[in-house]
Amino acid sequence: ELVSRGIACLSCGPSQTIDYYRENDPLAWAFGMSAVQANLLAAEYVGKQLADRDAIYAGDSEYQNQPRVFGRLWIDNGEASITNESDFEEQLAGYGVEVTESVSFALDPATLQEQASSAIAKFKAAGVTTVMFSGDPISPRDFTREATAQGYYPEWVHIGSVLADTNIFARTYDQEQWANAFGITSLTARVDPTISGAPYRYKWFHGEAAPADDSLGVIDPWPATFYPILQGIGPNLTYENWKTALDTADPTPQTLTSGSFSWGVTGRWPAELEYDFFGGDDITVFWYDPTKEGLDEADTLASGMYFFADGGQRYLLGEIPEEDIVLFDRATSSDIYLEWPEGEAPNSYDPLPYGG
C-alpha cells in the first residue's frame, strides 16, 4: 500500500518476488534475505552438511545408523509459497538430495491437529529420518506432540522460519522431540542482555527500561539501520540518493554476534539476484538443548536454549564447509556470551544529553 502511493517501504517482507522490488525501485527494501536467497543457503547447508550421512541426531536409535531420508514440512500461504517450495527442492536436487515425502500445511487452528496427525503418519510410513521444517512458530508444537504420540522420533531440521528459531517458542514444542532439532538461522549468537541489545541501549541512554522492552528487539533493527543510512546520504534526502548511499556502502562487518548486511551489487549473490534489495546475507548453524537453563529473548529464566555452533560462526553463500560442523557439543557452541567475544564489544562512553 505504501509503495503504491509512492512512499518508500523500508521494511517490506521477503514474501514479495524479486520482480516486485525491481518494478518498484527505489521504493521497496527488505531487511532480511529473500526467499530465493534463503533457499540457496538452505540447499547448500543440506547438501554439504547432511546429505550422504547417517541420521545420527535422530531420537530413534534405529534411524541413527541409517542414511538420511529427507522429508519436507512447509507452510502453504498461497502461490508464492508453492513456487518457493518448488525452487527449494530444485536447489536440493542440484546437490543430489531427494525429498522422499513433502507435506504442506495451513496455519489453521481448527484443523492443525488433524493436519499434524496426517503429516506425521506419512513421514513415518515413508521412513523419513530427517524432517526439514519451514513455517510459522506455532505449528511445531502440534507436529512435535503428534510425533511423540505416534512414537516417531526423527531429526528436525530448521530450514527457515520466523521466530521458530527463538527460545521463547522452542520451549513450547515437545521437548523430547526438539532435543533432536538443529539447522540454520539468520539470527546471531546472543550476548548477555545486561550488556547488549536494544533494551540495554535504551536503558543506557534514558536511564530507565524501555516501555516496550519485551518487543524492542523486534522493533529496533530498521530504525537502527535507517539512521546510519540517513547520515550517509547527507542533506539532500531523496529516494535516489538513498539508493546511491546503499550502493556505495560496504557490507556491514560479519562477526559472531552480528550478521552482515548489504544492498546493491556486491558479488555475494548470483548475478541474476543482483541488484539486491534484501539486506541479510549470512546464516549460522544452531541446535537445541532442552536441559540447559538460561534466559530467553524476553529474559525469562527457564530450561530450553538454542546453542550456536562454533560459537556462532557465520556463513555467506558458498562458505558452508564440507567438513562436519560440530553439533550438540556445549564446549564448541554458545548459548549466551556472558562477555563480548574478542574485538566485538562496542565502544564505551557516557550518553549525550538530549533536549526535552
Protein backbone atom coordinates (compact mmCIF):
# COMPACT_ATOMS: atom_id res chain seq x y z
CA GLU A 1 0.00 0.00 0.00
CA LEU A 2 2.80 2.42 0.86
CA VAL A 3 4.69 1.68 -2.33
CA SER A 4 1.55 2.01 -4.45
CA ARG A 5 1.21 5.55 -3.09
CA GLY A 6 4.79 6.43 -3.97
CA ILE A 7 6.05 6.13 -0.39
CA ALA A 8 9.16 4.12 0.40
CA CYS A 9 8.62 0.91 2.33
CA LEU A 10 11.71 0.21 4.39
CA SER A 11 10.51 -2.99 5.96
CA CYS A 12 8.85 -4.81 3.10
CA GLY A 13 8.82 -8.51 3.84
CA PRO A 14 10.68 -11.10 1.79
CA SER A 15 7.42 -12.72 0.66
CA GLN A 16 7.28 -10.42 -2.36
CA THR A 17 9.03 -11.60 -5.51
CA ILE A 18 12.26 -10.05 -6.71
CA ASP A 19 10.39 -8.67 -9.71
CA TYR A 20 8.18 -6.69 -7.33
CA TYR A 21 11.21 -4.88 -5.93
CA ARG A 22 12.62 -4.24 -9.38
CA GLU A 23 9.33 -2.83 -10.61
CA ASN A 24 9.11 -0.50 -7.60
CA ASP A 25 12.76 0.55 -7.49
CA PRO A 26 13.78 2.56 -5.44
CA LEU A 27 10.77 2.45 -3.08
CA ALA A 28 10.80 -1.12 -1.73
CA TRP A 29 13.51 -2.51 0.55
CA ALA A 30 13.76 -5.51 2.85
CA PHE A 31 15.89 -6.13 5.92
CA GLY A 32 16.04 -9.92 5.73
CA MET A 33 17.09 -12.03 2.79
CA SER A 34 14.67 -13.06 0.05
CA ALA A 35 13.07 -16.48 -0.16
CA VAL A 36 15.23 -17.28 -3.17
CA GLN A 37 18.40 -16.33 -1.28
CA ALA A 38 17.30 -18.34 1.75
CA ASN A 39 16.70 -21.35 -0.49
CA LEU A 40 20.23 -21.16 -1.87
CA LEU A 41 21.78 -21.14 1.60
CA ALA A 42 19.45 -23.85 2.91
CA ALA A 43 20.17 -26.14 -0.02
CA GLU A 44 23.90 -25.57 0.40
CA TYR A 45 23.65 -26.46 4.08
CA VAL A 46 21.68 -29.64 3.46
CA GLY A 47 23.84 -30.63 0.50
CA LYS A 48 27.17 -30.09 2.23
CA GLN A 49 26.38 -30.98 5.85
CA LEU A 50 23.56 -33.54 5.85
CA ALA A 51 23.40 -35.42 2.55
CA ASP A 52 25.08 -38.83 2.23
CA ARG A 53 25.41 -39.16 6.01
CA ASP A 54 23.58 -41.18 8.65
CA ALA A 55 20.81 -39.57 10.71
CA ILE A 56 22.99 -39.54 13.83
CA TYR A 57 20.95 -36.87 15.63
CA ALA A 58 17.58 -38.64 15.38
CA GLY A 59 15.79 -39.60 18.56
CA ASP A 60 15.12 -43.09 17.22
CA SER A 61 18.28 -45.17 17.63
CA GLU A 62 17.40 -47.24 14.55
CA TYR A 63 17.48 -44.09 12.40
CA GLN A 64 20.89 -43.13 13.75
CA ASN A 65 22.57 -45.94 11.79
CA GLN A 66 20.67 -45.29 8.56
CA PRO A 67 21.46 -42.91 5.71
CA ARG A 68 19.27 -39.84 5.93
CA VAL A 69 15.89 -40.00 4.22
CA PHE A 70 14.60 -36.46 3.82
CA GLY A 71 11.08 -35.23 4.34
CA ARG A 72 9.78 -31.71 3.90
CA LEU A 73 7.23 -29.95 6.11
CA TRP A 74 6.31 -26.48 4.89
CA ILE A 75 3.59 -23.88 5.31
CA ASP A 76 1.36 -23.15 2.32
CA ASN A 77 0.47 -19.47 2.18
CA GLY A 78 -0.54 -19.44 -1.47
CA GLU A 79 1.10 -19.42 -4.88
CA ALA A 80 4.29 -17.70 -3.69
CA SER A 81 4.98 -20.42 -1.11
CA ILE A 82 4.27 -23.18 -3.62
CA THR A 83 6.70 -21.61 -6.08
CA ASN A 84 9.26 -21.17 -3.32
CA GLU A 85 8.98 -24.81 -2.30
CA SER A 86 9.43 -25.98 -5.87
CA ASP A 87 12.52 -23.79 -6.16
CA PHE A 88 13.97 -25.19 -2.92
CA GLU A 89 13.51 -28.79 -3.98
CA GLU A 90 15.11 -27.94 -7.32
CA GLN A 91 18.09 -26.45 -5.49
CA LEU A 92 18.34 -29.60 -3.35
CA ALA A 93 18.35 -31.77 -6.46
CA GLY A 94 21.45 -29.91 -7.57
CA TYR A 95 23.21 -31.45 -4.56
CA GLY A 96 21.76 -34.87 -5.29
CA VAL A 97 19.24 -34.60 -2.45
CA GLU A 98 15.83 -36.19 -2.98
CA VAL A 99 12.79 -35.28 -0.88
CA THR A 100 11.03 -38.58 -0.20
CA GLU A 101 7.90 -37.08 1.34
CA SER A 102 6.79 -33.45 1.03
CA VAL A 103 3.86 -32.26 3.15
CA SER A 104 2.38 -28.79 3.18
CA PHE A 105 0.10 -27.42 5.87
CA ALA A 106 -2.06 -24.38 6.57
CA LEU A 107 -1.89 -22.43 9.81
CA ASP A 108 -5.50 -23.13 10.71
CA PRO A 109 -6.07 -23.76 14.44
CA ALA A 110 -9.27 -25.63 13.68
CA THR A 111 -7.53 -28.26 11.55
CA LEU A 112 -3.88 -28.12 12.65
CA GLN A 113 -4.10 -31.19 14.89
CA GLU A 114 -5.68 -33.19 12.07
CA GLN A 115 -3.02 -31.96 9.64
CA ALA A 116 -0.28 -32.90 12.11
CA SER A 117 -1.65 -36.41 12.54
CA SER A 118 -1.73 -36.97 8.78
CA ALA A 119 1.71 -35.46 8.16
CA ILE A 120 3.46 -37.47 10.87
CA ALA A 121 1.83 -40.68 9.67
CA LYS A 122 3.10 -40.01 6.13
CA PHE A 123 6.66 -39.29 7.29
CA LYS A 124 6.75 -42.37 9.48
CA ALA A 125 5.36 -44.64 6.76
CA ALA A 126 7.88 -43.29 4.23
CA GLY A 127 10.80 -43.98 6.57
CA VAL A 128 11.75 -40.31 6.77
CA THR A 129 14.61 -39.88 9.23
CA THR A 130 15.05 -36.14 8.77
CA VAL A 131 12.22 -33.60 8.62
CA MET A 132 13.18 -30.25 7.10
CA PHE A 133 10.82 -27.62 8.52
CA SER A 134 9.91 -24.19 7.16
CA GLY A 135 6.93 -22.42 8.63
CA ASP A 136 5.48 -20.44 11.48
CA PRO A 137 6.47 -20.56 15.17
CA ILE A 138 3.16 -22.02 16.41
CA SER A 139 2.64 -25.22 14.42
CA PRO A 140 5.77 -27.13 15.56
CA ARG A 141 4.06 -27.55 18.93
CA ASP A 142 1.31 -29.64 17.31
CA PHE A 143 3.60 -31.51 14.93
CA THR A 144 6.09 -32.48 17.64
CA ARG A 145 3.39 -33.54 20.10
CA GLU A 146 1.82 -35.69 17.42
CA ALA A 147 5.20 -37.21 16.56
CA THR A 148 5.62 -38.32 20.16
CA ALA A 149 2.05 -39.64 20.23
CA GLN A 150 2.85 -41.79 17.18
CA GLY A 151 6.24 -42.91 18.52
CA TYR A 152 8.12 -41.15 15.74
CA TYR A 153 11.50 -39.58 16.64
CA PRO A 154 13.30 -38.13 13.60
CA GLU A 155 15.80 -35.33 13.21
CA TRP A 156 14.10 -31.93 12.99
CA VAL A 157 15.99 -29.55 10.72
CA HIS A 158 15.15 -25.86 10.92
CA ILE A 159 15.49 -24.54 7.38
CA GLY A 160 13.81 -21.17 7.55
CA SER A 161 11.07 -19.94 9.84
CA VAL A 162 10.05 -16.76 11.56
CA LEU A 163 10.54 -16.98 15.35
CA ALA A 164 10.71 -20.80 15.48
CA ASP A 165 14.42 -20.17 15.97
CA THR A 166 13.81 -18.33 19.26
CA ASN A 167 13.90 -19.92 22.70
CA ILE A 168 10.53 -18.37 23.56
CA PHE A 169 8.75 -20.54 21.02
CA ALA A 170 11.08 -23.55 21.10
CA ARG A 171 10.18 -24.08 24.75
CA THR A 172 6.54 -24.62 23.74
CA TYR A 173 7.37 -27.58 21.50
CA ASP A 174 7.56 -31.19 22.65
CA GLN A 175 10.96 -31.12 24.32
CA GLU A 176 11.68 -34.81 23.75
CA GLN A 177 11.33 -34.14 20.02
CA TRP A 178 13.05 -30.76 19.91
CA ALA A 179 16.09 -32.27 21.64
CA ASN A 180 16.84 -33.53 18.12
CA ALA A 181 16.39 -30.13 16.44
CA PHE A 182 19.12 -28.24 14.61
CA GLY A 183 19.61 -26.31 11.40
CA ILE A 184 20.32 -22.81 10.16
CA THR A 185 19.16 -19.36 11.23
CA SER A 186 19.81 -15.78 10.25
CA LEU A 187 19.79 -14.85 13.94
CA THR A 188 23.13 -14.30 15.65
CA ALA A 189 24.86 -15.66 18.72
CA ARG A 190 23.39 -13.92 21.75
CA VAL A 191 25.17 -11.75 24.31
CA ASP A 192 24.16 -11.21 27.95
CA PRO A 193 21.22 -8.76 27.74
CA THR A 194 22.63 -6.75 30.65
CA ILE A 195 25.49 -5.60 28.39
CA SER A 196 23.98 -5.71 24.90
CA GLY A 197 20.86 -5.37 22.80
CA ALA A 198 18.21 -2.75 22.11
CA PRO A 199 16.65 -2.77 25.62
CA TYR A 200 20.12 -2.34 27.12
CA ARG A 201 20.89 0.62 24.83
CA TYR A 202 17.57 2.26 25.63
CA LYS A 203 18.18 2.00 29.37
CA TRP A 204 21.78 3.22 28.92
CA PHE A 205 20.52 6.34 27.16
CA HIS A 206 17.30 7.08 29.05
CA GLY A 207 18.17 5.71 32.47
CA GLU A 208 15.07 3.54 32.62
CA ALA A 209 13.67 0.43 30.98
CA ALA A 210 12.04 0.79 27.59
CA PRO A 211 8.22 0.82 27.63
CA ALA A 212 8.29 -1.97 25.03
CA ASP A 213 11.30 -3.81 26.41
CA ASP A 214 9.73 -7.20 25.60
CA SER A 215 9.38 -6.38 21.90
CA LEU A 216 12.05 -3.75 21.32
CA GLY A 217 14.41 -6.33 19.86
CA VAL A 218 11.93 -6.92 17.03
CA ILE A 219 11.15 -3.22 16.54
CA ASP A 220 14.72 -1.95 16.65
CA PRO A 221 16.56 -3.31 13.56
CA TRP A 222 15.16 -0.98 10.89
CA PRO A 223 15.43 2.26 12.90
CA ALA A 224 18.95 1.22 13.90
CA THR A 225 19.74 0.77 10.21
CA PHE A 226 17.84 3.78 8.91
CA TYR A 227 19.75 6.47 10.75
CA PRO A 228 23.28 5.44 9.67
CA ILE A 229 22.00 5.34 6.08
CA LEU A 230 20.43 8.77 6.57
CA GLN A 231 23.76 10.11 7.79
CA GLY A 232 25.47 8.63 4.74
CA ILE A 233 23.03 10.34 2.38
CA GLY A 234 23.69 13.83 3.66
CA PRO A 235 21.36 16.85 3.46
CA ASN A 236 19.84 16.09 0.04
CA LEU A 237 17.39 13.39 1.07
CA THR A 238 15.76 11.73 -1.95
CA TYR A 239 14.87 8.16 -2.79
CA GLU A 240 17.53 8.14 -5.49
CA ASN A 241 20.18 9.32 -3.03
CA TRP A 242 19.01 6.68 -0.58
CA LYS A 243 19.75 4.04 -3.20
CA THR A 244 23.09 5.65 -4.05
CA ALA A 245 24.12 5.58 -0.38
CA LEU A 246 23.35 1.87 -0.20
CA ASP A 247 25.16 1.24 -3.49
CA THR A 248 28.36 2.86 -2.28
CA ALA A 249 28.35 1.48 1.27
CA ASP A 250 30.46 -1.56 2.08
CA PRO A 251 28.72 -4.61 3.58
CA THR A 252 28.47 -4.39 7.36
CA PRO A 253 31.08 -6.43 9.28
CA GLN A 254 30.49 -10.14 9.73
CA THR A 255 31.02 -11.14 13.37
CA LEU A 256 29.83 -13.87 15.73
CA THR A 257 27.22 -11.57 17.26
CA SER A 258 26.22 -9.56 14.21
CA GLY A 259 25.08 -10.65 10.78
CA SER A 260 26.37 -8.92 7.67
CA PHE A 261 24.01 -6.76 5.63
CA SER A 262 24.36 -5.22 2.21
CA TRP A 263 22.23 -3.90 -0.62
CA GLY A 264 23.03 -3.33 -4.26
CA VAL A 265 25.69 -5.13 -6.29
CA THR A 266 28.21 -6.83 -4.02
CA GLY A 267 29.07 -10.11 -5.72
CA ARG A 268 27.67 -12.04 -2.78
CA TRP A 269 24.81 -13.48 -4.81
CA PRO A 270 24.44 -14.93 -8.31
CA ALA A 271 24.27 -12.26 -10.99
CA GLU A 272 20.56 -12.80 -11.59
CA LEU A 273 19.84 -11.82 -7.96
CA GLU A 274 21.71 -8.54 -8.13
CA TYR A 275 20.77 -5.67 -7.82
CA ASP A 276 19.96 -6.90 -4.28
CA PHE A 277 17.07 -5.20 -2.45
CA PHE A 278 17.35 -7.53 0.54
CA GLY A 279 19.73 -6.78 3.40
CA GLY A 280 20.54 -10.06 5.13
CA ASP A 281 23.38 -12.08 3.63
CA ASP A 282 24.52 -14.77 6.05
CA ILE A 283 23.43 -17.55 8.40
CA THR A 284 24.76 -19.58 11.30
CA VAL A 285 24.17 -23.15 12.43
CA PHE A 286 22.41 -23.90 15.70
CA TRP A 287 20.93 -26.71 17.79
CA TYR A 288 18.57 -27.05 20.75
CA ASP A 289 19.24 -28.29 24.28
CA PRO A 290 16.07 -28.79 26.36
CA THR A 291 18.04 -29.27 29.59
CA LYS A 292 20.07 -26.05 29.52
CA GLU A 293 18.69 -23.34 31.77
CA GLY A 294 19.01 -19.75 30.64
CA LEU A 295 17.32 -16.52 29.64
CA ASP A 296 15.08 -16.48 26.60
CA GLU A 297 14.60 -13.43 24.39
CA ALA A 298 12.14 -11.94 26.92
CA ASP A 299 14.60 -12.53 29.79
CA THR A 300 12.57 -15.42 31.25
CA LEU A 301 14.78 -17.90 33.09
CA ALA A 302 13.82 -21.50 32.29
CA SER A 303 15.11 -24.67 30.67
CA GLY A 304 15.48 -24.90 26.91
CA MET A 305 18.15 -22.99 24.98
CA TYR A 306 19.42 -22.81 21.44
CA PHE A 307 23.19 -23.13 21.06
CA PHE A 308 25.11 -21.59 18.17
CA ALA A 309 27.67 -23.97 16.66
CA ASP A 310 31.33 -22.92 16.52
CA GLY A 311 30.48 -20.02 18.79
CA GLY A 312 28.15 -18.55 16.18
CA GLN A 313 30.39 -18.74 13.10
CA ARG A 314 28.56 -17.19 10.15
CA TYR A 315 28.49 -18.21 6.51
CA LEU A 316 27.79 -16.41 3.26
CA LEU A 317 26.63 -18.31 0.19
CA GLY A 318 29.45 -20.63 -0.88
CA GLU A 319 31.17 -20.60 2.52
CA ILE A 320 29.44 -23.52 4.25
CA PRO A 321 32.15 -26.17 4.68
CA GLU A 322 32.08 -29.80 3.60
CA GLU A 323 33.60 -30.86 6.93
CA ASP A 324 31.08 -31.64 9.64
CA ILE A 325 30.07 -28.67 11.76
CA VAL A 326 30.04 -29.97 15.33
CA LEU A 327 26.56 -30.05 16.87
CA PHE A 328 25.22 -30.90 20.32
CA ASP A 329 28.53 -30.06 21.96
CA ARG A 330 28.37 -27.29 24.54
CA ALA A 331 32.16 -27.00 24.58
CA THR A 332 32.27 -25.71 21.00
CA SER A 333 28.96 -23.82 20.98
CA SER A 334 27.48 -20.79 22.71
CA ASP A 335 24.01 -20.17 24.09
CA ILE A 336 24.73 -16.71 25.54
CA TYR A 337 28.07 -14.94 25.71
CA LEU A 338 28.48 -13.53 29.22
CA GLU A 339 31.10 -11.17 27.81
CA TRP A 340 31.54 -9.82 24.30
CA PRO A 341 33.70 -12.02 22.05
CA GLU A 342 37.15 -10.56 21.47
CA GLY A 343 37.05 -7.47 19.29
CA GLU A 344 33.25 -7.25 19.16
CA ALA A 345 32.46 -5.07 22.19
CA PRO A 346 31.09 -1.63 21.26
CA ASN A 347 32.94 1.47 22.36
CA SER A 348 32.09 2.56 25.88
CA TYR A 349 31.12 6.16 26.60
CA ASP A 350 28.53 8.15 28.51
CA PRO A 351 25.32 9.01 26.65
CA LEU A 352 24.99 12.54 25.29
CA PRO A 353 22.35 14.72 26.95
CA TYR A 354 19.23 15.26 24.88
CA GLY A 355 16.72 18.07 24.84
CA GLY A 356 13.24 17.80 26.20
